[in-house]
Amino acid sequence: MDILYLLVPLSVVLAMIIIGMLAWAMHRGQFDDLEHQGELIFDPDDAKTRANARRQQARADAATSTPDHLPRA
């Protein structure tokens, strides 16, 4: 029974670390382009070109959009 005093806090810390890593990966854009790796099998050059075009478009959209917390002009 005393082992629960160790295992419960350790499991909570582990869960928080896992959630933090998932949030970090989402923030860094790891899940933005899920199709890219699958497309590389068929035509590496074409897939890279399309993936780069998608990334550039996403960056352009993000640069021109106004954040929700700022008033629009």
N, C-alpha and C. Protein backbone atom coordinates (compact mmCIF):
# COMPACT_ATOMS: atom_id res chain seq x y z
N MET A 1 0.81 -1.19 0.00
CA MET A 1 0.00 0.00 0.00
C MET A 1 0.86 1.26 0.00
N ASP A 2 2.01 1.21 0.64
CA ASP A 2 2.88 2.38 0.68
C ASP A 2 3.45 2.72 -0.70
N ILE A 3 3.51 1.73 -1.58
CA ILE A 3 4.05 1.97 -2.92
C ILE A 3 3.17 2.94 -3.70
N LEU A 4 1.90 3.02 -3.37
CA LEU A 4 1.00 3.94 -4.06
C LEU A 4 1.40 5.40 -3.84
N TYR A 5 2.00 5.70 -2.71
CA TYR A 5 2.46 7.06 -2.45
C TYR A 5 3.58 7.45 -3.42
N LEU A 6 4.25 6.48 -3.99
CA LEU A 6 5.29 6.73 -4.97
C LEU A 6 4.73 6.64 -6.40
N LEU A 7 3.92 5.62 -6.67
CA LEU A 7 3.46 5.37 -8.03
C LEU A 7 2.45 6.41 -8.53
N VAL A 8 1.56 6.87 -7.69
CA VAL A 8 0.55 7.84 -8.13
C VAL A 8 1.20 9.16 -8.54
N PRO A 9 2.06 9.76 -7.72
CA PRO A 9 2.70 11.00 -8.18
C PRO A 9 3.59 10.79 -9.42
N LEU A 10 4.28 9.66 -9.49
CA LEU A 10 5.09 9.40 -10.67
C LEU A 10 4.24 9.27 -11.93
N SER A 11 3.10 8.64 -11.83
CA SER A 11 2.23 8.51 -13.00
C SER A 11 1.65 9.86 -13.40
N VAL A 12 1.36 10.72 -12.44
CA VAL A 12 0.87 12.06 -12.77
C VAL A 12 1.96 12.86 -13.47
N VAL A 13 3.18 12.78 -12.97
CA VAL A 13 4.30 13.49 -13.60
C VAL A 13 4.53 12.95 -15.01
N LEU A 14 4.48 11.65 -15.19
CA LEU A 14 4.66 11.06 -16.51
C LEU A 14 3.57 11.52 -17.46
N ALA A 15 2.33 11.55 -17.01
CA ALA A 15 1.22 12.01 -17.85
C ALA A 15 1.41 13.47 -18.24
N MET A 16 1.88 14.29 -17.32
CA MET A 16 2.11 15.70 -17.62
C MET A 16 3.24 15.87 -18.63
N ILE A 17 4.27 15.05 -18.52
CA ILE A 17 5.37 15.11 -19.48
C ILE A 17 4.88 14.72 -20.88
N ILE A 18 4.08 13.67 -20.95
CA ILE A 18 3.55 13.22 -22.25
C ILE A 18 2.66 14.28 -22.86
N ILE A 19 1.79 14.89 -22.08
CA ILE A 19 0.92 15.95 -22.59
C ILE A 19 1.74 17.15 -23.03
N GLY A 20 2.77 17.49 -22.27
CA GLY A 20 3.65 18.59 -22.65
C GLY A 20 4.38 18.33 -23.95
N MET A 21 4.84 17.10 -24.14
CA MET A 21 5.53 16.76 -25.39
C MET A 21 4.57 16.81 -26.57
N LEU A 22 3.35 16.37 -26.38
CA LEU A 22 2.35 16.43 -27.45
C LEU A 22 2.05 17.89 -27.80
N ALA A 23 1.88 18.73 -26.79
CA ALA A 23 1.62 20.15 -27.03
C ALA A 23 2.81 20.80 -27.75
N TRP A 24 4.02 20.45 -27.35
CA TRP A 24 5.22 20.98 -28.01
C TRP A 24 5.26 20.56 -29.48
N ALA A 25 4.96 19.30 -29.74
CA ALA A 25 4.98 18.80 -31.12
C ALA A 25 3.92 19.49 -31.96
N MET A 26 2.76 19.72 -31.40
CA MET A 26 1.70 20.41 -32.13
C MET A 26 2.09 21.86 -32.40
N HIS A 27 2.69 22.50 -31.43
CA HIS A 27 3.11 23.89 -31.58
C HIS A 27 4.21 24.02 -32.65
N ARG A 28 5.09 23.06 -32.72
CA ARG A 28 6.19 23.09 -33.69
C ARG A 28 5.75 22.67 -35.09
N GLY A 29 4.50 22.23 -35.26
CA GLY A 29 3.99 21.89 -36.59
C GLY A 29 4.26 20.47 -37.03
N GLN A 30 4.49 19.57 -36.11
CA GLN A 30 4.79 18.19 -36.48
C GLN A 30 3.61 17.49 -37.16
N PHE A 31 2.40 17.95 -36.91
CA PHE A 31 1.22 17.29 -37.45
C PHE A 31 0.56 18.10 -38.56
N ASP A 32 1.25 19.09 -39.10
CA ASP A 32 0.65 19.94 -40.13
C ASP A 32 0.53 19.24 -41.48
N ASP A 33 1.50 18.45 -41.85
CA ASP A 33 1.52 17.82 -43.16
C ASP A 33 1.70 16.32 -43.00
N LEU A 34 0.61 15.61 -42.80
CA LEU A 34 0.69 14.16 -42.57
C LEU A 34 0.85 13.36 -43.85
N GLU A 35 0.50 13.93 -44.99
CA GLU A 35 0.56 13.19 -46.25
C GLU A 35 1.94 13.20 -46.90
N HIS A 36 2.79 14.11 -46.48
CA HIS A 36 4.08 14.29 -47.16
C HIS A 36 4.92 13.02 -47.18
N GLN A 37 5.07 12.35 -46.07
CA GLN A 37 5.92 11.16 -46.03
C GLN A 37 5.37 10.04 -46.89
N GLY A 38 4.05 9.91 -46.95
CA GLY A 38 3.46 8.89 -47.82
C GLY A 38 3.66 9.20 -49.29
N GLU A 39 3.64 10.47 -49.65
CA GLU A 39 3.84 10.87 -51.05
C GLU A 39 5.29 10.70 -51.50
N LEU A 40 6.23 10.73 -50.58
CA LEU A 40 7.65 10.59 -50.94
C LEU A 40 7.95 9.24 -51.59
N ILE A 41 7.18 8.24 -51.28
CA ILE A 41 7.41 6.90 -51.83
C ILE A 41 7.22 6.91 -53.34
N PHE A 42 6.22 7.64 -53.81
CA PHE A 42 5.85 7.60 -55.22
C PHE A 42 6.69 8.52 -56.09
N ASP A 43 6.90 9.75 -55.66
CA ASP A 43 7.67 10.71 -56.46
C ASP A 43 8.32 11.71 -55.52
N PRO A 44 9.56 11.46 -55.12
CA PRO A 44 10.19 12.31 -54.11
C PRO A 44 10.29 13.78 -54.51
N ASP A 45 10.64 14.08 -55.75
CA ASP A 45 10.81 15.47 -56.16
C ASP A 45 9.49 16.21 -56.18
N ASP A 46 8.46 15.58 -56.73
CA ASP A 46 7.15 16.21 -56.82
C ASP A 46 6.54 16.41 -55.44
N ALA A 47 6.70 15.44 -54.56
CA ALA A 47 6.15 15.55 -53.21
C ALA A 47 6.83 16.67 -52.44
N LYS A 48 8.13 16.81 -52.60
CA LYS A 48 8.85 17.89 -51.92
C LYS A 48 8.39 19.25 -52.43
N THR A 49 8.19 19.35 -53.73
CA THR A 49 7.74 20.61 -54.32
C THR A 49 6.37 20.99 -53.78
N ARG A 50 5.45 20.03 -53.74
CA ARG A 50 4.10 20.33 -53.23
C ARG A 50 4.13 20.64 -51.74
N ALA A 51 4.95 19.92 -50.98
CA ALA A 51 5.03 20.18 -49.54
C ALA A 51 5.61 21.57 -49.28
N ASN A 52 6.63 21.95 -50.04
CA ASN A 52 7.20 23.29 -49.88
C ASN A 52 6.19 24.37 -50.24
N ALA A 53 5.41 24.13 -51.29
CA ALA A 53 4.39 25.11 -51.67
C ALA A 53 3.34 25.25 -50.57
N ARG A 54 2.94 24.12 -49.97
CA ARG A 54 1.96 24.17 -48.86
C ARG A 54 2.52 24.91 -47.67
N ARG A 55 3.78 24.66 -47.33
CA ARG A 55 4.40 25.34 -46.19
C ARG A 55 4.51 26.85 -46.44
N GLN A 56 4.91 27.22 -47.65
CA GLN A 56 5.03 28.64 -47.97
C GLN A 56 3.66 29.32 -47.92
N GLN A 57 2.62 28.64 -48.40
CA GLN A 57 1.29 29.21 -48.36
C GLN A 57 0.82 29.36 -46.92
N ALA A 58 1.10 28.37 -46.08
CA ALA A 58 0.70 28.45 -44.67
C ALA A 58 1.43 29.59 -43.97
N ARG A 59 2.71 29.77 -44.27
CA ARG A 59 3.46 30.88 -43.67
C ARG A 59 2.93 32.23 -44.14
N ALA A 60 2.59 32.31 -45.43
CA ALA A 60 2.05 33.56 -45.96
C ALA A 60 0.70 33.87 -45.32
N ASP A 61 -0.13 32.84 -45.15
CA ASP A 61 -1.43 33.04 -44.50
C ASP A 61 -1.26 33.47 -43.06
N ALA A 62 -0.31 32.87 -42.36
CA ALA A 62 -0.08 33.22 -40.96
C ALA A 62 0.49 34.62 -40.83
N ALA A 63 1.31 35.04 -41.78
CA ALA A 63 1.92 36.37 -41.71
C ALA A 63 0.91 37.47 -41.99
N THR A 64 -0.10 37.18 -42.82
CA THR A 64 -1.06 38.21 -43.19
C THR A 64 -2.30 38.22 -42.31
N SER A 65 -2.50 37.19 -41.53
CA SER A 65 -3.70 37.15 -40.69
C SER A 65 -3.47 37.93 -39.40
N THR A 66 -4.56 38.50 -38.90
CA THR A 66 -4.51 39.24 -37.64
C THR A 66 -4.87 38.30 -36.51
N PRO A 67 -4.08 38.26 -35.44
CA PRO A 67 -4.44 37.41 -34.30
C PRO A 67 -5.79 37.80 -33.73
N ASP A 68 -6.48 36.85 -33.13
CA ASP A 68 -7.82 37.06 -32.63
C ASP A 68 -7.87 38.08 -31.50
N HIS A 69 -6.80 38.21 -30.73
CA HIS A 69 -6.82 39.10 -29.59
C HIS A 69 -6.54 40.56 -29.97
N LEU A 70 -6.17 40.83 -31.22
CA LEU A 70 -5.90 42.19 -31.65
C LEU A 70 -7.09 42.73 -32.45
N PRO A 71 -7.38 44.01 -32.32
CA PRO A 71 -8.48 44.58 -33.11
C PRO A 71 -8.10 44.67 -34.58
N ARG A 72 -9.08 44.45 -35.41
CA ARG A 72 -8.83 44.53 -36.87
C ARG A 72 -8.94 45.98 -37.32
N ALA A 73 -8.09 46.35 -38.25
CA ALA A 73 -8.07 47.73 -38.74
C ALA A 73 -8.99 47.88 -39.93
